């Protein structure tokens, strides 16, 4: 089954960097895809485990810090791609993400 068919929210390509805070360490990673329910990003090694909680800083939708949980990981030729789910977005954060995704789909 195609992963796009399993998602509750559409995703678009997200070729931007994002900051990740995990256990007191802040690191910048390359984004892969983003949607209203979560995003994916790549890194060169297995930094995180499924179930880890992270804080992301996303600058392309205005400065926004969100808490996420790692839901999956897959290995690619570029390294490891982590899929995360947003936790408890407030109304403004969800609205900004929805607008960003809708703009990217046109």
PDB file of N, CA and C in Angstrom:
ATOM      1  N   UNK A   1       0.833  -1.179   0.000  1.00  0.00           N
ATOM      2  CA  UNK A   1       0.000   0.000   0.000  1.00  0.00           C
ATOM      3  C   UNK A   1       0.878   1.242   0.000  1.00  0.00           C
ATOM      4  N   UNK A   2       0.499   2.216  -0.767  1.00  0.00           N
ATOM      5  CA  UNK A   2       1.215   3.472  -0.855  1.00  0.00           C
ATOM      6  C   UNK A   2       1.069   4.242   0.459  1.00  0.00           C
ATOM      7  N   UNK A   3       2.183   4.816   0.968  1.00  0.00           N
ATOM      8  CA  UNK A   3       2.115   5.534   2.240  1.00  0.00           C
ATOM      9  C   UNK A   3       1.212   6.748   2.155  1.00  0.00           C
ATOM     10  N   UNK A   4       1.084   7.360   0.985  1.00  0.00           N
ATOM     11  CA  UNK A   4       0.190   8.505   0.850  1.00  0.00           C
ATOM     12  C   UNK A   4      -1.252   8.102   1.157  1.00  0.00           C
ATOM     13  N   UNK A   5      -1.647   6.873   0.848  1.00  0.00           N
ATOM     14  CA  UNK A   5      -3.013   6.430   1.099  1.00  0.00           C
ATOM     15  C   UNK A   5      -3.277   6.186   2.574  1.00  0.00           C
ATOM     16  N   UNK A   6      -2.262   5.997   3.392  1.00  0.00           N
ATOM     17  CA  UNK A   6      -2.440   5.719   4.811  1.00  0.00           C
ATOM     18  C   UNK A   6      -2.455   6.989   5.653  1.00  0.00           C
ATOM     19  N   UNK A   7      -2.081   8.096   5.107  1.00  0.00           N
ATOM     20  CA  UNK A   7      -1.968   9.328   5.877  1.00  0.00           C
ATOM     21  C   UNK A   7      -3.309  10.038   6.001  1.00  0.00           C
ATOM     22  N   UNK A   8      -3.526  10.608   7.189  1.00  0.00           N
ATOM     23  CA  UNK A   8      -4.750  11.389   7.409  1.00  0.00           C
ATOM     24  C   UNK A   8      -4.664  12.762   6.767  1.00  0.00           C
ATOM     25  N   UNK A   9      -3.449  13.310   6.656  1.00  0.00           N
ATOM     26  CA  UNK A   9      -3.247  14.649   6.115  1.00  0.00           C
ATOM     27  C   UNK A   9      -2.279  14.576   4.943  1.00  0.00           C
ATOM     28  N   UNK A  10      -2.515  15.373   3.897  1.00  0.00           N
ATOM     29  CA  UNK A  10      -1.572  15.384   2.761  1.00  0.00           C
ATOM     30  C   UNK A  10      -0.236  15.974   3.174  1.00  0.00           C
ATOM     31  N   UNK A  11       0.813  15.550   2.496  1.00  0.00           N
ATOM     32  CA  UNK A  11       2.154  16.085   2.734  1.00  0.00           C
ATOM     33  C   UNK A  11       2.714  16.644   1.445  1.00  0.00           C
ATOM     34  N   UNK A  12       3.637  17.576   1.606  1.00  0.00           N
ATOM     35  CA  UNK A  12       4.356  18.145   0.467  1.00  0.00           C
ATOM     36  C   UNK A  12       5.847  18.059   0.751  1.00  0.00           C
ATOM     37  N   UNK A  13       6.641  18.217  -0.284  1.00  0.00           N
ATOM     38  CA  UNK A  13       8.087  18.247  -0.098  1.00  0.00           C
ATOM     39  C   UNK A  13       8.465  19.419   0.803  1.00  0.00           C
ATOM     40  N   UNK A  14       9.467  19.210   1.625  1.00  0.00           N
ATOM     41  CA  UNK A  14       9.886  20.213   2.600  1.00  0.00           C
ATOM     42  C   UNK A  14      11.406  20.343   2.547  1.00  0.00           C
ATOM     43  N   UNK A  15      11.925  21.055   1.537  1.00  0.00           N
ATOM     44  CA  UNK A  15      13.384  21.152   1.347  1.00  0.00           C
ATOM     45  C   UNK A  15      14.025  22.245   2.196  1.00  0.00           C
ATOM     46  N   UNK A  16      13.734  22.240   3.487  1.00  0.00           N
ATOM     47  CA  UNK A  16      14.254  23.259   4.389  1.00  0.00           C
ATOM     48  C   UNK A  16      14.893  22.578   5.599  1.00  0.00           C
ATOM     49  N   UNK A  17      15.722  23.331   6.279  1.00  0.00           N
ATOM     50  CA  UNK A  17      16.324  22.806   7.498  1.00  0.00           C
ATOM     51  C   UNK A  17      15.399  23.058   8.687  1.00  0.00           C
ATOM     52  N   UNK A  18      15.521  22.207   9.694  1.00  0.00           N
ATOM     53  CA  UNK A  18      14.765  22.384  10.916  1.00  0.00           C
ATOM     54  C   UNK A  18      15.644  22.008  12.087  1.00  0.00           C
ATOM     55  N   UNK A  19      15.394  22.665  13.206  1.00  0.00           N
ATOM     56  CA  UNK A  19      16.157  22.389  14.415  1.00  0.00           C
ATOM     57  C   UNK A  19      15.468  21.323  15.240  1.00  0.00           C
ATOM     58  N   UNK A  20      16.264  20.445  15.814  1.00  0.00           N
ATOM     59  CA  UNK A  20      15.720  19.360  16.634  1.00  0.00           C
ATOM     60  C   UNK A  20      16.417  19.383  17.992  1.00  0.00           C
ATOM     61  N   UNK A  21      15.620  19.470  19.045  1.00  0.00           N
ATOM     62  CA  UNK A  21      16.127  19.412  20.408  1.00  0.00           C
ATOM     63  C   UNK A  21      15.765  18.050  20.988  1.00  0.00           C
ATOM     64  N   UNK A  22      16.795  17.315  21.406  1.00  0.00           N
ATOM     65  CA  UNK A  22      16.595  15.974  21.962  1.00  0.00           C
ATOM     66  C   UNK A  22      17.589  15.756  23.082  1.00  0.00           C
ATOM     67  N   UNK A  23      17.080  15.519  24.277  1.00  0.00           N
ATOM     68  CA  UNK A  23      17.926  15.269  25.453  1.00  0.00           C
ATOM     69  C   UNK A  23      18.988  16.340  25.654  1.00  0.00           C
ATOM     70  N   UNK A  24      18.592  17.588  25.498  1.00  0.00           N
ATOM     71  CA  UNK A  24      19.492  18.706  25.757  1.00  0.00           C
ATOM     72  C   UNK A  24      20.441  19.054  24.624  1.00  0.00           C
ATOM     73  N   UNK A  25      20.365  18.361  23.502  1.00  0.00           N
ATOM     74  CA  UNK A  25      21.232  18.636  22.361  1.00  0.00           C
ATOM     75  C   UNK A  25      20.400  19.158  21.202  1.00  0.00           C
ATOM     76  N   UNK A  26      20.825  20.297  20.641  1.00  0.00           N
ATOM     77  CA  UNK A  26      20.136  20.918  19.517  1.00  0.00           C
ATOM     78  C   UNK A  26      20.939  20.659  18.250  1.00  0.00           C
ATOM     79  N   UNK A  27      20.283  20.079  17.238  1.00  0.00           N
ATOM     80  CA  UNK A  27      20.951  19.738  15.984  1.00  0.00           C
ATOM     81  C   UNK A  27      20.061  20.182  14.829  1.00  0.00           C
ATOM     82  N   UNK A  28      20.655  20.541  13.713  1.00  0.00           N
ATOM     83  CA  UNK A  28      19.907  20.942  12.523  1.00  0.00           C
ATOM     84  C   UNK A  28      19.939  19.791  11.516  1.00  0.00           C
ATOM     85  N   UNK A  29      18.749  19.453  10.978  1.00  0.00           N
ATOM     86  CA  UNK A  29      18.615  18.387   9.995  1.00  0.00           C
ATOM     87  C   UNK A  29      17.889  18.904   8.760  1.00  0.00           C
ATOM     88  N   UNK A  30      17.987  18.155   7.681  1.00  0.00           N
ATOM     89  CA  UNK A  30      17.308  18.502   6.430  1.00  0.00           C
ATOM     90  C   UNK A  30      15.907  17.922   6.415  1.00  0.00           C
ATOM     91  N   UNK A  31      14.926  18.775   6.130  1.00  0.00           N
ATOM     92  CA  UNK A  31      13.550  18.322   6.022  1.00  0.00           C
ATOM     93  C   UNK A  31      13.328  17.494   4.771  1.00  0.00           C
ATOM     94  N   UNK A  32      12.291  16.670   4.789  1.00  0.00           N
ATOM     95  CA  UNK A  32      11.936  15.832   3.641  1.00  0.00           C
ATOM     96  C   UNK A  32      10.513  16.137   3.177  1.00  0.00           C
ATOM     97  N   UNK A  33       9.531  15.923   4.053  1.00  0.00           N
ATOM     98  CA  UNK A  33       8.134  16.204   3.755  1.00  0.00           C
ATOM     99  C   UNK A  33       7.469  16.806   4.995  1.00  0.00           C
ATOM    100  N   UNK A  34       6.362  17.532   4.759  1.00  0.00           N
ATOM    101  CA  UNK A  34       5.618  18.107   5.882  1.00  0.00           C
ATOM    102  C   UNK A  34       4.129  18.077   5.569  1.00  0.00           C
ATOM    103  N   UNK A  35       3.339  17.918   6.612  1.00  0.00           N
ATOM    104  CA  UNK A  35       1.889  17.966   6.505  1.00  0.00           C
ATOM    105  C   UNK A  35       1.332  18.451   7.823  1.00  0.00           C
ATOM    106  N   UNK A  36       0.023  18.569   7.910  1.00  0.00           N
ATOM    107  CA  UNK A  36      -0.593  19.068   9.138  1.00  0.00           C
ATOM    108  C   UNK A  36      -0.430  18.098  10.301  1.00  0.00           C
ATOM    109  N   UNK A  37      -0.229  16.817  10.009  1.00  0.00           N
ATOM    110  CA  UNK A  37      -0.116  15.827  11.075  1.00  0.00           C
ATOM    111  C   UNK A  37       1.300  15.495  11.496  1.00  0.00           C
ATOM    112  N   UNK A  38       2.283  15.853  10.673  1.00  0.00           N
ATOM    113  CA  UNK A  38       3.661  15.518  11.018  1.00  0.00           C
ATOM    114  C   UNK A  38       4.607  15.875   9.892  1.00  0.00           C
ATOM    115  N   UNK A  39       5.829  15.415  10.018  1.00  0.00           N
ATOM    116  CA  UNK A  39       6.819  15.660   8.972  1.00  0.00           C
ATOM    117  C   UNK A  39       7.873  14.570   8.996  1.00  0.00           C
ATOM    118  N   UNK A  40       8.714  14.592   7.983  1.00  0.00           N
ATOM    119  CA  UNK A  40       9.851  13.677   7.963  1.00  0.00           C
ATOM    120  C   UNK A  40      11.104  14.488   7.681  1.00  0.00           C
ATOM    121  N   UNK A  41      12.219  13.982   8.195  1.00  0.00           N
ATOM    122  CA  UNK A  41      13.503  14.641   7.986  1.00  0.00           C
ATOM    123  C   UNK A  41      14.582  13.567   7.923  1.00  0.00           C
ATOM    124  N   UNK A  42      15.699  13.933   7.328  1.00  0.00           N
ATOM    125  CA  UNK A  42      16.773  12.955   7.156  1.00  0.00           C
ATOM    126  C   UNK A  42      17.990  13.331   7.982  1.00  0.00           C
ATOM    127  N   UNK A  43      18.723  12.315   8.355  1.00  0.00           N
ATOM    128  CA  UNK A  43      20.011  12.523   9.001  1.00  0.00           C
ATOM    129  C   UNK A  43      20.924  11.367   8.622  1.00  0.00           C
ATOM    130  N   UNK A  44      22.202  11.522   8.908  1.00  0.00           N
ATOM    131  CA  UNK A  44      23.192  10.573   8.416  1.00  0.00           C
ATOM    132  C   UNK A  44      23.292   9.300   9.249  1.00  0.00           C
ATOM    133  N   UNK A  45      22.643   9.256  10.396  1.00  0.00           N
ATOM    134  CA  UNK A  45      22.725   8.046  11.222  1.00  0.00           C
ATOM    135  C   UNK A  45      21.461   7.882  12.054  1.00  0.00           C
ATOM    136  N   UNK A  46      21.381   6.809  12.802  1.00  0.00           N
ATOM    137  CA  UNK A  46      20.223   6.530  13.639  1.00  0.00           C
ATOM    138  C   UNK A  46      20.309   7.300  14.953  1.00  0.00           C
ATOM    139  N   UNK A  47      19.927   8.564  14.926  1.00  0.00           N
ATOM    140  CA  UNK A  47      19.983   9.414  16.116  1.00  0.00           C
ATOM    141  C   UNK A  47      18.891   9.085  17.119  1.00  0.00           C
ATOM    142  N   UNK A  48      17.721   8.707  16.622  1.00  0.00           N
ATOM    143  CA  UNK A  48      16.544   8.587  17.465  1.00  0.00           C
ATOM    144  C   UNK A  48      15.955   7.186  17.391  1.00  0.00           C
ATOM    145  N   UNK A  49      15.112   6.879  18.374  1.00  0.00           N
ATOM    146  CA  UNK A  49      14.394   5.605  18.405  1.00  0.00           C
ATOM    147  C   UNK A  49      12.902   5.895  18.291  1.00  0.00           C
ATOM    148  N   UNK A  50      12.152   4.949  17.784  1.00  0.00           N
ATOM    149  CA  UNK A  50      10.710   5.094  17.717  1.00  0.00           C
ATOM    150  C   UNK A  50      10.185   5.284  19.134  1.00  0.00           C
ATOM    151  N   UNK A  51       9.338   6.290  19.298  1.00  0.00           N
ATOM    152  CA  UNK A  51       8.806   6.630  20.613  1.00  0.00           C
ATOM    153  C   UNK A  51       9.508   7.796  21.280  1.00  0.00           C
ATOM    154  N   UNK A  52      10.693   8.188  20.780  1.00  0.00           N
ATOM    155  CA  UNK A  52      11.388   9.351  21.341  1.00  0.00           C
ATOM    156  C   UNK A  52      10.554  10.610  21.124  1.00  0.00           C
ATOM    157  N   UNK A  53      10.585  11.494  22.112  1.00  0.00           N
ATOM    158  CA  UNK A  53       9.941  12.794  21.996  1.00  0.00           C
ATOM    159  C   UNK A  53      11.004  13.845  21.716  1.00  0.00           C
ATOM    160  N   UNK A  54      10.698  14.724  20.759  1.00  0.00           N
ATOM    161  CA  UNK A  54      11.615  15.768  20.328  1.00  0.00           C
ATOM    162  C   UNK A  54      10.883  17.101  20.314  1.00  0.00           C
ATOM    163  N   UNK A  55      11.636  18.188  20.314  1.00  0.00           N
ATOM    164  CA  UNK A  55      11.075  19.514  20.080  1.00  0.00           C
ATOM    165  C   UNK A  55      11.700  20.036  18.786  1.00  0.00           C
ATOM    166  N   UNK A  56      10.845  20.395  17.823  1.00  0.00           N
ATOM    167  CA  UNK A  56      11.307  20.893  16.530  1.00  0.00           C
ATOM    168  C   UNK A  56      11.118  22.397  16.444  1.00  0.00           C
ATOM    169  N   UNK A  57      12.049  23.048  15.797  1.00  0.00           N
ATOM    170  CA  UNK A  57      11.912  24.455  15.444  1.00  0.00           C
ATOM    171  C   UNK A  57      11.790  24.523  13.933  1.00  0.00           C
ATOM    172  N   UNK A  58      10.651  25.011  13.474  1.00  0.00           N
ATOM    173  CA  UNK A  58      10.368  25.111  12.036  1.00  0.00           C
ATOM    174  C   UNK A  58      10.281  26.593  11.710  1.00  0.00           C
ATOM    175  N   UNK A  59      11.114  27.073  10.801  1.00  0.00           N
ATOM    176  CA  UNK A  59      11.159  28.501  10.510  1.00  0.00           C
ATOM    177  C   UNK A  59      10.377  28.904   9.265  1.00  0.00           C
ATOM    178  N   UNK A  60      10.044  27.984   8.396  1.00  0.00           N
ATOM    179  CA  UNK A  60       9.418  28.366   7.128  1.00  0.00           C
ATOM    180  C   UNK A  60       7.959  28.748   7.276  1.00  0.00           C
ATOM    181  N   UNK A  61       7.330  28.366   8.364  1.00  0.00           N
ATOM    182  CA  UNK A  61       5.935  28.753   8.602  1.00  0.00           C
ATOM    183  C   UNK A  61       5.892  29.800   9.711  1.00  0.00           C
ATOM    184  N   UNK A  62       6.916  30.621   9.762  1.00  0.00           N
ATOM    185  CA  UNK A  62       7.107  31.535  10.884  1.00  0.00           C
ATOM    186  C   UNK A  62       7.779  30.746  11.979  1.00  0.00           C
ATOM    187  N   UNK A  63       8.431  31.415  12.909  1.00  0.00           N
ATOM    188  CA  UNK A  63       9.100  30.651  13.968  1.00  0.00           C
ATOM    189  C   UNK A  63       8.078  29.876  14.787  1.00  0.00           C
ATOM    190  N   UNK A  64       8.241  28.567  14.803  1.00  0.00           N
ATOM    191  CA  UNK A  64       7.280  27.721  15.489  1.00  0.00           C
ATOM    192  C   UNK A  64       8.020  26.555  16.129  1.00  0.00           C
ATOM    193  N   UNK A  65       7.796  26.344  17.423  1.00  0.00           N
ATOM    194  CA  UNK A  65       8.353  25.198  18.134  1.00  0.00           C
ATOM    195  C   UNK A  65       7.214  24.240  18.430  1.00  0.00           C
ATOM    196  N   UNK A  66       7.409  22.983  18.079  1.00  0.00           N
ATOM    197  CA  UNK A  66       6.375  21.973  18.289  1.00  0.00           C
ATOM    198  C   UNK A  66       6.992  20.720  18.893  1.00  0.00           C
ATOM    199  N   UNK A  67       6.217  20.053  19.725  1.00  0.00           N
ATOM    200  CA  UNK A  67       6.650  18.771  20.267  1.00  0.00           C
ATOM    201  C   UNK A  67       6.169  17.679  19.326  1.00  0.00           C
ATOM    202  N   UNK A  68       7.036  16.679  19.108  1.00  0.00           N
ATOM    203  CA  UNK A  68       6.712  15.566  18.208  1.00  0.00           C
ATOM    204  C   UNK A  68       7.127  14.260  18.853  1.00  0.00           C
ATOM    205  N   UNK A  69       6.611  13.178  18.288  1.00  0.00           N
ATOM    206  CA  UNK A  69       7.032  11.846  18.690  1.00  0.00           C
ATOM    207  C   UNK A  69       7.474  11.103  17.435  1.00  0.00           C
ATOM    208  N   UNK A  70       8.598  10.388  17.533  1.00  0.00           N
ATOM    209  CA  UNK A  70       9.113   9.621  16.395  1.00  0.00           C
ATOM    210  C   UNK A  70       8.216   8.407  16.195  1.00  0.00           C
ATOM    211  N   UNK A  71       7.619   8.303  15.003  1.00  0.00           N
ATOM    212  CA  UNK A  71       6.701   7.199  14.698  1.00  0.00           C
ATOM    213  C   UNK A  71       7.323   6.132  13.808  1.00  0.00           C
ATOM    214  N   UNK A  72       8.251   6.529  12.947  1.00  0.00           N
ATOM    215  CA  UNK A  72       8.890   5.520  12.088  1.00  0.00           C
ATOM    216  C   UNK A  72      10.242   6.011  11.606  1.00  0.00           C
ATOM    217  N   UNK A  73      10.987   5.083  11.077  1.00  0.00           N
ATOM    218  CA  UNK A  73      12.265   5.403  10.454  1.00  0.00           C
ATOM    219  C   UNK A  73      12.494   4.431   9.321  1.00  0.00           C
ATOM    220  N   UNK A  74      13.178   4.914   8.299  1.00  0.00           N
ATOM    221  CA  UNK A  74      13.545   4.051   7.170  1.00  0.00           C
ATOM    222  C   UNK A  74      14.913   4.478   6.674  1.00  0.00           C
ATOM    223  N   UNK A  75      15.596   3.530   6.129  1.00  0.00           N
ATOM    224  CA  UNK A  75      16.942   3.797   5.632  1.00  0.00           C
ATOM    225  C   UNK A  75      16.865   4.061   4.134  1.00  0.00           C
ATOM    226  N   UNK A  76      17.614   5.056   3.705  1.00  0.00           N
ATOM    227  CA  UNK A  76      17.690   5.393   2.287  1.00  0.00           C
ATOM    228  C   UNK A  76      19.157   5.542   1.902  1.00  0.00           C
ATOM    229  N   UNK A  77      19.394   5.833   0.651  1.00  0.00           N
ATOM    230  CA  UNK A  77      20.780   6.007   0.193  1.00  0.00           C
ATOM    231  C   UNK A  77      21.421   7.243   0.822  1.00  0.00           C
ATOM    232  N   UNK A  78      20.603   8.191   1.274  1.00  0.00           N
ATOM    233  CA  UNK A  78      21.113   9.418   1.888  1.00  0.00           C
ATOM    234  C   UNK A  78      21.276   9.322   3.398  1.00  0.00           C
ATOM    235  N   UNK A  79      20.869   8.231   4.000  1.00  0.00           N
ATOM    236  CA  UNK A  79      20.944   8.092   5.447  1.00  0.00           C
ATOM    237  C   UNK A  79      19.645   7.541   6.002  1.00  0.00           C
ATOM    238  N   UNK A  80      19.228   8.030   7.150  1.00  0.00           N
ATOM    239  CA  UNK A  80      18.004   7.584   7.792  1.00  0.00           C
ATOM    240  C   UNK A  80      16.961   8.685   7.721  1.00  0.00           C
ATOM    241  N   UNK A  81      15.743   8.324   7.355  1.00  0.00           N
ATOM    242  CA  UNK A  81      14.632   9.279   7.325  1.00  0.00           C
ATOM    243  C   UNK A  81      13.707   8.942   8.479  1.00  0.00           C
ATOM    244  N   UNK A  82      13.464   9.934   9.326  1.00  0.00           N
ATOM    245  CA  UNK A  82      12.587   9.766  10.482  1.00  0.00           C
ATOM    246  C   UNK A  82      11.251  10.428  10.204  1.00  0.00           C
ATOM    247  N   UNK A  83      10.181   9.729  10.522  1.00  0.00           N
ATOM    248  CA  UNK A  83       8.838  10.279  10.431  1.00  0.00           C
ATOM    249  C   UNK A  83       8.347  10.600  11.827  1.00  0.00           C
ATOM    250  N   UNK A  84       7.874  11.828  12.029  1.00  0.00           N
ATOM    251  CA  UNK A  84       7.408  12.247  13.344  1.00  0.00           C
ATOM    252  C   UNK A  84       5.976  12.754  13.253  1.00  0.00           C
ATOM    253  N   UNK A  85       5.261  12.619  14.360  1.00  0.00           N
ATOM    254  CA  UNK A  85       3.883  13.095  14.463  1.00  0.00           C
ATOM    255  C   UNK A  85       3.850  14.272  15.422  1.00  0.00           C
ATOM    256  N   UNK A  86       3.145  15.342  15.029  1.00  0.00           N
ATOM    257  CA  UNK A  86       2.992  16.492  15.908  1.00  0.00           C
ATOM    258  C   UNK A  86       2.122  16.105  17.102  1.00  0.00           C
ATOM    259  N   UNK A  87       2.484  16.632  18.279  1.00  0.00           N
ATOM    260  CA  UNK A  87       1.729  16.376  19.504  1.00  0.00           C
ATOM    261  C   UNK A  87       1.068  17.680  19.941  1.00  0.00           C
ATOM    262  N   UNK A  88      -0.235  17.658  20.107  1.00  0.00           N
ATOM    263  CA  UNK A  88      -0.986  18.785  20.680  1.00  0.00           C
ATOM    264  C   UNK A  88      -0.681  20.134  20.042  1.00  0.00           C
ATOM    265  N   UNK A  89      -0.846  20.223  18.719  1.00  0.00           N
ATOM    266  CA  UNK A  89      -0.709  21.531  18.076  1.00  0.00           C
ATOM    267  C   UNK A  89      -1.836  22.430  18.548  1.00  0.00           C
ATOM    268  N   UNK A  90      -1.513  23.686  18.790  1.00  0.00           N
ATOM    269  CA  UNK A  90      -2.599  24.608  19.101  1.00  0.00           C
ATOM    270  C   UNK A  90      -3.252  25.061  17.794  1.00  0.00           C
ATOM    271  N   UNK A  91      -4.343  25.803  17.906  1.00  0.00           N
ATOM    272  CA  UNK A  91      -5.107  26.192  16.723  1.00  0.00           C
ATOM    273  C   UNK A  91      -4.260  26.983  15.736  1.00  0.00           C
ATOM    274  N   UNK A  92      -3.476  27.933  16.233  1.00  0.00           N
ATOM    275  CA  UNK A  92      -2.659  28.762  15.358  1.00  0.00           C
ATOM    276  C   UNK A  92      -1.599  27.940  14.627  1.00  0.00           C
ATOM    277  N   UNK A  93      -0.945  27.020  15.325  1.00  0.00           N
ATOM    278  CA  UNK A  93       0.063  26.175  14.682  1.00  0.00           C
ATOM    279  C   UNK A  93      -0.568  25.315  13.589  1.00  0.00           C
ATOM    280  N   UNK A  94      -1.701  24.701  13.883  1.00  0.00           N
ATOM    281  CA  UNK A  94      -2.375  23.856  12.887  1.00  0.00           C
ATOM    282  C   UNK A  94      -2.804  24.682  11.681  1.00  0.00           C
ATOM    283  N   UNK A  95      -3.303  25.878  11.922  1.00  0.00           N
ATOM    284  CA  UNK A  95      -3.738  26.743  10.827  1.00  0.00           C
ATOM    285  C   UNK A  95      -2.555  27.136   9.943  1.00  0.00           C
ATOM    286  N   UNK A  96      -1.429  27.515  10.566  1.00  0.00           N
ATOM    287  CA  UNK A  96      -0.247  27.895   9.792  1.00  0.00           C
ATOM    288  C   UNK A  96       0.293  26.733   8.974  1.00  0.00           C
ATOM    289  N   UNK A  97       0.322  25.543   9.553  1.00  0.00           N
ATOM    290  CA  UNK A  97       0.778  24.365   8.806  1.00  0.00           C
ATOM    291  C   UNK A  97      -0.166  24.041   7.649  1.00  0.00           C
ATOM    292  N   UNK A  98      -1.460  24.094   7.917  1.00  0.00           N
ATOM    293  CA  UNK A  98      -2.452  23.809   6.870  1.00  0.00           C
ATOM    294  C   UNK A  98      -2.283  24.784   5.711  1.00  0.00           C
ATOM    295  N   UNK A  99      -2.122  26.061   6.012  1.00  0.00           N
ATOM    296  CA  UNK A  99      -1.933  27.071   4.973  1.00  0.00           C
ATOM    297  C   UNK A  99      -0.658  26.806   4.182  1.00  0.00           C
ATOM    298  N   UNK A 100       0.427  26.487   4.871  1.00  0.00           N
ATOM    299  CA  UNK A 100       1.697  26.196   4.201  1.00  0.00           C
ATOM    300  C   UNK A 100       1.562  25.002   3.253  1.00  0.00           C
ATOM    301  N   UNK A 101       0.913  23.944   3.707  1.00  0.00           N
ATOM    302  CA  UNK A 101       0.740  22.754   2.873  1.00  0.00           C
ATOM    303  C   UNK A 101      -0.145  23.049   1.680  1.00  0.00           C
ATOM    304  N   UNK A 102      -1.241  23.771   1.899  1.00  0.00           N
ATOM    305  CA  UNK A 102      -2.135  24.107   0.797  1.00  0.00           C
ATOM    306  C   UNK A 102      -1.437  24.978  -0.246  1.00  0.00           C
ATOM    307  N   UNK A 103      -0.588  25.896   0.195  1.00  0.00           N
ATOM    308  CA  UNK A 103       0.169  26.730  -0.743  1.00  0.00           C
ATOM    309  C   UNK A 103       1.127  25.872  -1.577  1.00  0.00           C
ATOM    310  N   UNK A 104       1.694  24.849  -0.973  1.00  0.00           N
ATOM    311  CA  UNK A 104       2.644  23.987  -1.668  1.00  0.00           C
ATOM    312  C   UNK A 104       2.006  23.002  -2.617  1.00  0.00           C
ATOM    313  N   UNK A 105       0.707  22.786  -2.489  1.00  0.00           N
ATOM    314  CA  UNK A 105       0.020  21.841  -3.361  1.00  0.00           C
ATOM    315  C   UNK A 105      -0.433  22.481  -4.654  1.00  0.00           C
ATOM    316  N   UNK A 106      -0.433  23.791  -4.739  1.00  0.00           N
ATOM    317  CA  UNK A 106      -0.930  24.461  -5.931  1.00  0.00           C
ATOM    318  C   UNK A 106       0.121  24.577  -6.990  1.00  0.00           C
TER     319      UNK A 106
END
